[in-house]
C-alpha atoms as a PDB file:
ATOM      1  CA  UNK A   1      23.735 -10.286  16.894  1.00  0.00           C
ATOM      2  CA  UNK A   2      22.833 -11.074  13.373  1.00  0.00           C
ATOM      3  CA  UNK A   3      19.490 -12.335  14.531  1.00  0.00           C
ATOM      4  CA  UNK A   4      18.470  -9.134  16.099  1.00  0.00           C
ATOM      5  CA  UNK A   5      19.008  -7.260  12.704  1.00  0.00           C
ATOM      6  CA  UNK A   6      17.244  -9.971  10.825  1.00  0.00           C
ATOM      7  CA  UNK A   7      14.194  -9.495  13.233  1.00  0.00           C
ATOM      8  CA  UNK A   8      14.069  -5.750  12.822  1.00  0.00           C
ATOM      9  CA  UNK A   9      14.280  -6.496   8.958  1.00  0.00           C
ATOM     10  CA  UNK A  10      11.490  -8.959   9.129  1.00  0.00           C
ATOM     11  CA  UNK A  11       9.442  -6.595  11.088  1.00  0.00           C
ATOM     12  CA  UNK A  12       9.802  -3.765   8.713  1.00  0.00           C
ATOM     13  CA  UNK A  13       9.000  -5.836   5.644  1.00  0.00           C
ATOM     14  CA  UNK A  14       6.155  -7.130   7.279  1.00  0.00           C
ATOM     15  CA  UNK A  15       4.599  -4.056   8.481  1.00  0.00           C
ATOM     16  CA  UNK A  16       5.168  -2.693   5.213  1.00  0.00           C
ATOM     17  CA  UNK A  17       3.364  -5.564   3.407  1.00  0.00           C
ATOM     18  CA  UNK A  18       0.421  -5.156   5.739  1.00  0.00           C
ATOM     19  CA  UNK A  19       0.047  -1.721   4.983  1.00  0.00           C
ATOM     20  CA  UNK A  20       0.313  -2.211   1.168  1.00  0.00           C
ATOM     21  CA  UNK A  21      -2.314  -5.129   1.232  1.00  0.00           C
ATOM     22  CA  UNK A  22      -4.673  -3.117   3.218  1.00  0.00           C
ATOM     23  CA  UNK A  23      -4.362  -0.393   0.945  1.00  0.00           C
ATOM     24  CA  UNK A  24      -4.803  -2.398  -2.205  1.00  0.00           C
ATOM     25  CA  UNK A  25      -7.825  -4.175  -0.590  1.00  0.00           C
ATOM     26  CA  UNK A  26      -9.495  -0.884   0.521  1.00  0.00           C
ATOM     27  CA  UNK A  27      -8.855   0.537  -2.998  1.00  0.00           C
ATOM     28  CA  UNK A  28     -10.650  -2.348  -4.690  1.00  0.00           C
ATOM     29  CA  UNK A  29     -13.636  -2.065  -2.673  1.00  0.00           C
ATOM     30  CA  UNK A  30     -13.989   1.484  -3.157  1.00  0.00           C
ATOM     31  CA  UNK A  31     -13.735   1.155  -6.789  1.00  0.00           C
ATOM     32  CA  UNK A  32     -16.149  -1.429  -6.718  1.00  0.00           C
ATOM     33  CA  UNK A  33     -18.443   0.412  -4.855  1.00  0.00           C
ATOM     34  CA  UNK A  34     -18.159   3.342  -7.006  1.00  0.00           C
ATOM     35  CA  UNK A  35     -18.929   1.038 -10.301  1.00  0.00           C
ATOM     36  CA  UNK A  36     -21.642  -0.648  -8.236  1.00  0.00           C
ATOM     37  CA  UNK A  37     -23.438   2.814  -7.305  1.00  0.00           C
ATOM     38  CA  UNK A  38     -23.053   4.148 -11.019  1.00  0.00           C
ATOM     39  CA  UNK A  39     -24.813   0.972 -12.107  1.00  0.00           C
ATOM     40  CA  UNK A  40     -27.589   1.167  -9.951  1.00  0.00           C
ATOM     41  CA  UNK A  41     -28.037   4.406  -8.046  1.00  0.00           C
ATOM     42  CA  UNK A  42     -30.983   3.067  -5.999  1.00  0.00           C
ATOM     43  CA  UNK A  43     -28.631   0.602  -4.070  1.00  0.00           C
ATOM     44  CA  UNK A  44     -26.250   3.313  -2.814  1.00  0.00           C
ATOM     45  CA  UNK A  45     -27.025   2.670   0.911  1.00  0.00           C
ATOM     46  CA  UNK A  46     -26.691  -0.940   0.721  1.00  0.00           C
ATOM     47  CA  UNK A  47     -23.535  -0.810  -1.361  1.00  0.00           C
ATOM     48  CA  UNK A  48     -22.033   1.827   1.136  1.00  0.00           C
ATOM     49  CA  UNK A  49     -23.009  -0.181   4.276  1.00  0.00           C
ATOM     50  CA  UNK A  50     -21.273  -3.346   2.733  1.00  0.00           C
ATOM     51  CA  UNK A  51     -18.293  -1.390   1.733  1.00  0.00           C
ATOM     52  CA  UNK A  52     -17.962   0.024   5.244  1.00  0.00           C
ATOM     53  CA  UNK A  53     -18.111  -3.219   6.682  1.00  0.00           C
ATOM     54  CA  UNK A  54     -15.586  -5.048   4.286  1.00  0.00           C
ATOM     55  CA  UNK A  55     -13.114  -1.923   4.656  1.00  0.00           C
ATOM     56  CA  UNK A  56     -13.414  -2.427   8.741  1.00  0.00           C
ATOM     57  CA  UNK A  57     -12.458  -5.971   8.514  1.00  0.00           C
ATOM     58  CA  UNK A  58      -9.335  -5.423   6.257  1.00  0.00           C
ATOM     59  CA  UNK A  59      -8.303  -2.571   8.405  1.00  0.00           C
ATOM     60  CA  UNK A  60      -8.768  -4.954  11.350  1.00  0.00           C
ATOM     61  CA  UNK A  61      -6.555  -7.535   9.726  1.00  0.00           C
ATOM     62  CA  UNK A  62      -3.814  -4.926   8.756  1.00  0.00           C
ATOM     63  CA  UNK A  63      -3.851  -3.891  12.500  1.00  0.00           C
ATOM     64  CA  UNK A  64      -3.240  -7.482  13.618  1.00  0.00           C
ATOM     65  CA  UNK A  65      -0.366  -7.512  11.194  1.00  0.00           C
ATOM     66  CA  UNK A  66       1.187  -4.431  12.598  1.00  0.00           C
ATOM     67  CA  UNK A  67       0.797  -5.605  15.994  1.00  0.00           C
ATOM     68  CA  UNK A  68       2.712  -8.680  15.125  1.00  0.00           C
ATOM     69  CA  UNK A  69       5.431  -6.546  13.501  1.00  0.00           C
ATOM     70  CA  UNK A  70       5.826  -4.404  16.434  1.00  0.00           C
ATOM     71  CA  UNK A  71       6.119  -7.447  18.810  1.00  0.00           C
ATOM     72  CA  UNK A  72       8.712  -8.860  16.564  1.00  0.00           C
ATOM     73  CA  UNK A  73      10.614  -5.695  16.680  1.00  0.00           C
ATOM     74  CA  UNK A  74      10.361  -5.229  20.330  1.00  0.00           C
ATOM     75  CA  UNK A  75      11.503  -9.065  21.164  1.00  0.00           C
END
């Protein structure tokens, strides 16, 4: 029975770490994009496009982490 409880604990910790990592990553991207836009206002559209693509990739990785944690919890 202890293995089941540890599985739930591991899934919960893993889900939390995935969300925290994604939040920190997207926050760093947004901060860098804001700084880049402030330094070069003429490059705003290129910076925004790159930021959106990077944020989508980070969200995809976080989603994979969440799915793995849910699978661990339901196993």
